[in-house]
C-alpha atoms as a PDB file:
ATOM      1  CA  MET A   1     -17.460 -12.458  15.294  1.00  0.00           C
ATOM      2  CA  LYS A   2     -18.185  -9.482  12.991  1.00  0.00           C
ATOM      3  CA  PRO A   3     -16.140  -6.679  13.138  1.00  0.00           C
ATOM      4  CA  THR A   4     -17.005  -3.301  14.332  1.00  0.00           C
ATOM      5  CA  ALA A   5     -17.005  -0.380  11.892  1.00  0.00           C
ATOM      6  CA  GLU A   6     -13.824   1.126  13.537  1.00  0.00           C
ATOM      7  CA  GLU A   7     -11.701  -2.008  13.111  1.00  0.00           C
ATOM      8  CA  LEU A   8     -12.579  -2.058   9.458  1.00  0.00           C
ATOM      9  CA  THR A   9     -12.005   1.530   9.090  1.00  0.00           C
ATOM     10  CA  GLN A  10      -8.419   0.695  10.541  1.00  0.00           C
ATOM     11  CA  ARG A  11      -8.018  -2.089   8.120  1.00  0.00           C
ATOM     12  CA  PHE A  12      -8.958   0.194   4.982  1.00  0.00           C
ATOM     13  CA  GLU A  13      -6.867   2.944   6.111  1.00  0.00           C
ATOM     14  CA  ALA A  14      -3.840   1.007   6.078  1.00  0.00           C
ATOM     15  CA  VAL A  15      -4.207   0.439   2.489  1.00  0.00           C
ATOM     16  CA  PHE A  16      -6.120   2.916   0.760  1.00  0.00           C
ATOM     17  CA  GLY A  17      -5.394   6.291   3.238  1.00  0.00           C
ATOM     18  CA  SER A  18      -7.403   8.447   5.261  1.00  0.00           C
ATOM     19  CA  GLN A  19     -10.320   8.903   3.091  1.00  0.00           C
ATOM     20  CA  VAL A  20     -12.433   5.918   4.406  1.00  0.00           C
ATOM     21  CA  PHE A  21     -15.758   5.680   5.761  1.00  0.00           C
ATOM     22  CA  VAL A  22     -17.197   2.444   6.859  1.00  0.00           C
ATOM     23  CA  SER A  23     -20.943   2.076   8.284  1.00  0.00           C
ATOM     24  CA  ASP A  24     -22.621  -0.846   9.924  1.00  0.00           C
ATOM     25  CA  ASP A  25     -25.882  -1.466   8.343  1.00  0.00           C
ATOM     26  CA  SER A  26     -26.385  -5.261  10.265  1.00  0.00           C
ATOM     27  CA  HIS A  27     -29.164  -3.842  12.134  1.00  0.00           C
ATOM     28  CA  GLN A  28     -31.077  -3.273   8.619  1.00  0.00           C
ATOM     29  CA  HIS A  29     -30.597  -7.233   7.914  1.00  0.00           C
ATOM     30  CA  VAL A  30     -31.617  -8.942  11.115  1.00  0.00           C
ATOM     31  CA  GLY A  31     -32.972 -12.344  10.454  1.00  0.00           C
ATOM     32  CA  HIS A  32     -31.571 -11.812   6.772  1.00  0.00           C
ATOM     33  CA  ALA A  33     -31.194 -15.605   5.570  1.00  0.00           C
ATOM     34  CA  GLY A  34     -27.900 -16.859   4.937  1.00  0.00           C
ATOM     35  CA  ALA A  35     -26.172 -14.501   7.107  1.00  0.00           C
ATOM     36  CA  GLY A  36     -24.979 -16.582   9.769  1.00  0.00           C
ATOM     37  CA  GLY A  37     -24.148 -13.908  12.281  1.00  0.00           C
ATOM     38  CA  GLY A  38     -21.837 -12.169   9.534  1.00  0.00           C
ATOM     39  CA  GLY A  39     -22.209  -8.229   9.354  1.00  0.00           C
ATOM     40  CA  HIS A  40     -23.480  -5.899   6.490  1.00  0.00           C
ATOM     41  CA  TYR A  41     -21.412  -3.179   5.642  1.00  0.00           C
ATOM     42  CA  THR A  42     -21.291   0.196   3.385  1.00  0.00           C
ATOM     43  CA  VAL A  43     -17.802   1.322   2.638  1.00  0.00           C
ATOM     44  CA  GLU A  44     -16.819   4.709   1.178  1.00  0.00           C
ATOM     45  CA  ILE A  45     -13.129   4.645  -0.076  1.00  0.00           C
ATOM     46  CA  ILE A  46     -11.785   7.481  -1.942  1.00  0.00           C
ATOM     47  CA  SER A  47      -8.105   6.526  -3.066  1.00  0.00           C
ATOM     48  CA  GLU A  48      -5.269   7.700  -5.642  1.00  0.00           C
ATOM     49  CA  LYS A  49      -4.970   3.577  -5.730  1.00  0.00           C
ATOM     50  CA  PHE A  50      -7.858   3.580  -8.067  1.00  0.00           C
ATOM     51  CA  LEU A  51      -6.452   5.466 -10.769  1.00  0.00           C
ATOM     52  CA  GLY A  52      -6.851   4.088 -13.919  1.00  0.00           C
ATOM     53  CA  LEU A  53      -9.003   0.804 -12.639  1.00  0.00           C
ATOM     54  CA  ARG A  54     -12.642  -0.031 -13.526  1.00  0.00           C
ATOM     55  CA  THR A  55     -15.374  -0.477 -10.792  1.00  0.00           C
ATOM     56  CA  LEU A  56     -14.566  -4.179 -10.833  1.00  0.00           C
ATOM     57  CA  GLN A  57     -11.026  -3.443 -10.255  1.00  0.00           C
ATOM     58  CA  ARG A  58     -11.509  -0.813  -7.414  1.00  0.00           C
ATOM     59  CA  HIS A  59     -14.059  -3.639  -5.406  1.00  0.00           C
ATOM     60  CA  ARG A  60     -11.575  -6.334  -6.244  1.00  0.00           C
ATOM     61  CA  LEU A  61      -8.662  -4.655  -4.090  1.00  0.00           C
ATOM     62  CA  VAL A  62     -11.268  -3.722  -1.422  1.00  0.00           C
ATOM     63  CA  TYR A  63     -12.525  -7.330  -1.217  1.00  0.00           C
ATOM     64  CA  ASP A  64      -8.848  -8.628  -0.956  1.00  0.00           C
ATOM     65  CA  VAL A  65      -8.173  -6.281   2.261  1.00  0.00           C
ATOM     66  CA  VAL A  66     -11.362  -8.218   3.941  1.00  0.00           C
ATOM     67  CA  SER A  67     -11.044 -11.709   1.837  1.00  0.00           C
ATOM     68  CA  GLU A  68     -10.665 -13.835   5.227  1.00  0.00           C
ATOM     69  CA  MET A  69     -13.369 -12.130   6.877  1.00  0.00           C
ATOM     70  CA  MET A  70     -15.949 -13.256   4.055  1.00  0.00           C
ATOM     71  CA  PRO A  71     -18.706 -14.822   4.185  1.00  0.00           C
ATOM     72  CA  HIS A  72     -18.695 -15.606   8.226  1.00  0.00           C
ATOM     73  CA  GLN A  73     -17.792 -12.328   9.877  1.00  0.00           C
ATOM     74  CA  ILE A  74     -19.058 -10.089   6.971  1.00  0.00           C
ATOM     75  CA  HIS A  75     -21.886 -11.109   5.017  1.00  0.00           C
ATOM     76  CA  ALA A  76     -22.456  -7.977   2.707  1.00  0.00           C
ATOM     77  CA  LEU A  77     -20.085  -5.321   1.888  1.00  0.00           C
ATOM     78  CA  SER A  78     -21.677  -2.265  -0.424  1.00  0.00           C
ATOM     79  CA  ILE A  79     -18.558  -0.650  -1.932  1.00  0.00           C
ATOM     80  CA  ASN A  80     -18.476   2.881  -3.021  1.00  0.00           C
ATOM     81  CA  ALA A  81     -14.395   2.829  -4.544  1.00  0.00           C
ATOM     82  CA  LYS A  82     -13.729   6.708  -5.826  1.00  0.00           C
ATOM     83  CA  VAL A  83     -10.576   8.259  -6.777  1.00  0.00           C
ATOM     84  CA  PRO A  84      -9.994  12.197  -5.579  1.00  0.00           C
ATOM     85  CA  ALA A  85     -11.476  14.704  -7.260  1.00  0.00           C
END
């Protein structure tokens, strides 16, 4: 069963803080080959934990939080990982 956007938000907030925004884009991918019932999500996280890290390193940190959900509960994750302005 795919997680809700609220469940993912809580999980990411526990690691990165309160500036987390998750949207469930699964409705845009109905019938997508290979999805296997997993959800499609867009995640925006603004966190000091990303300071000094390159994009790939930031994305790895985000994927680590949901690694056990990939690829069955989460099929696709679009990540925007930023540092505070």
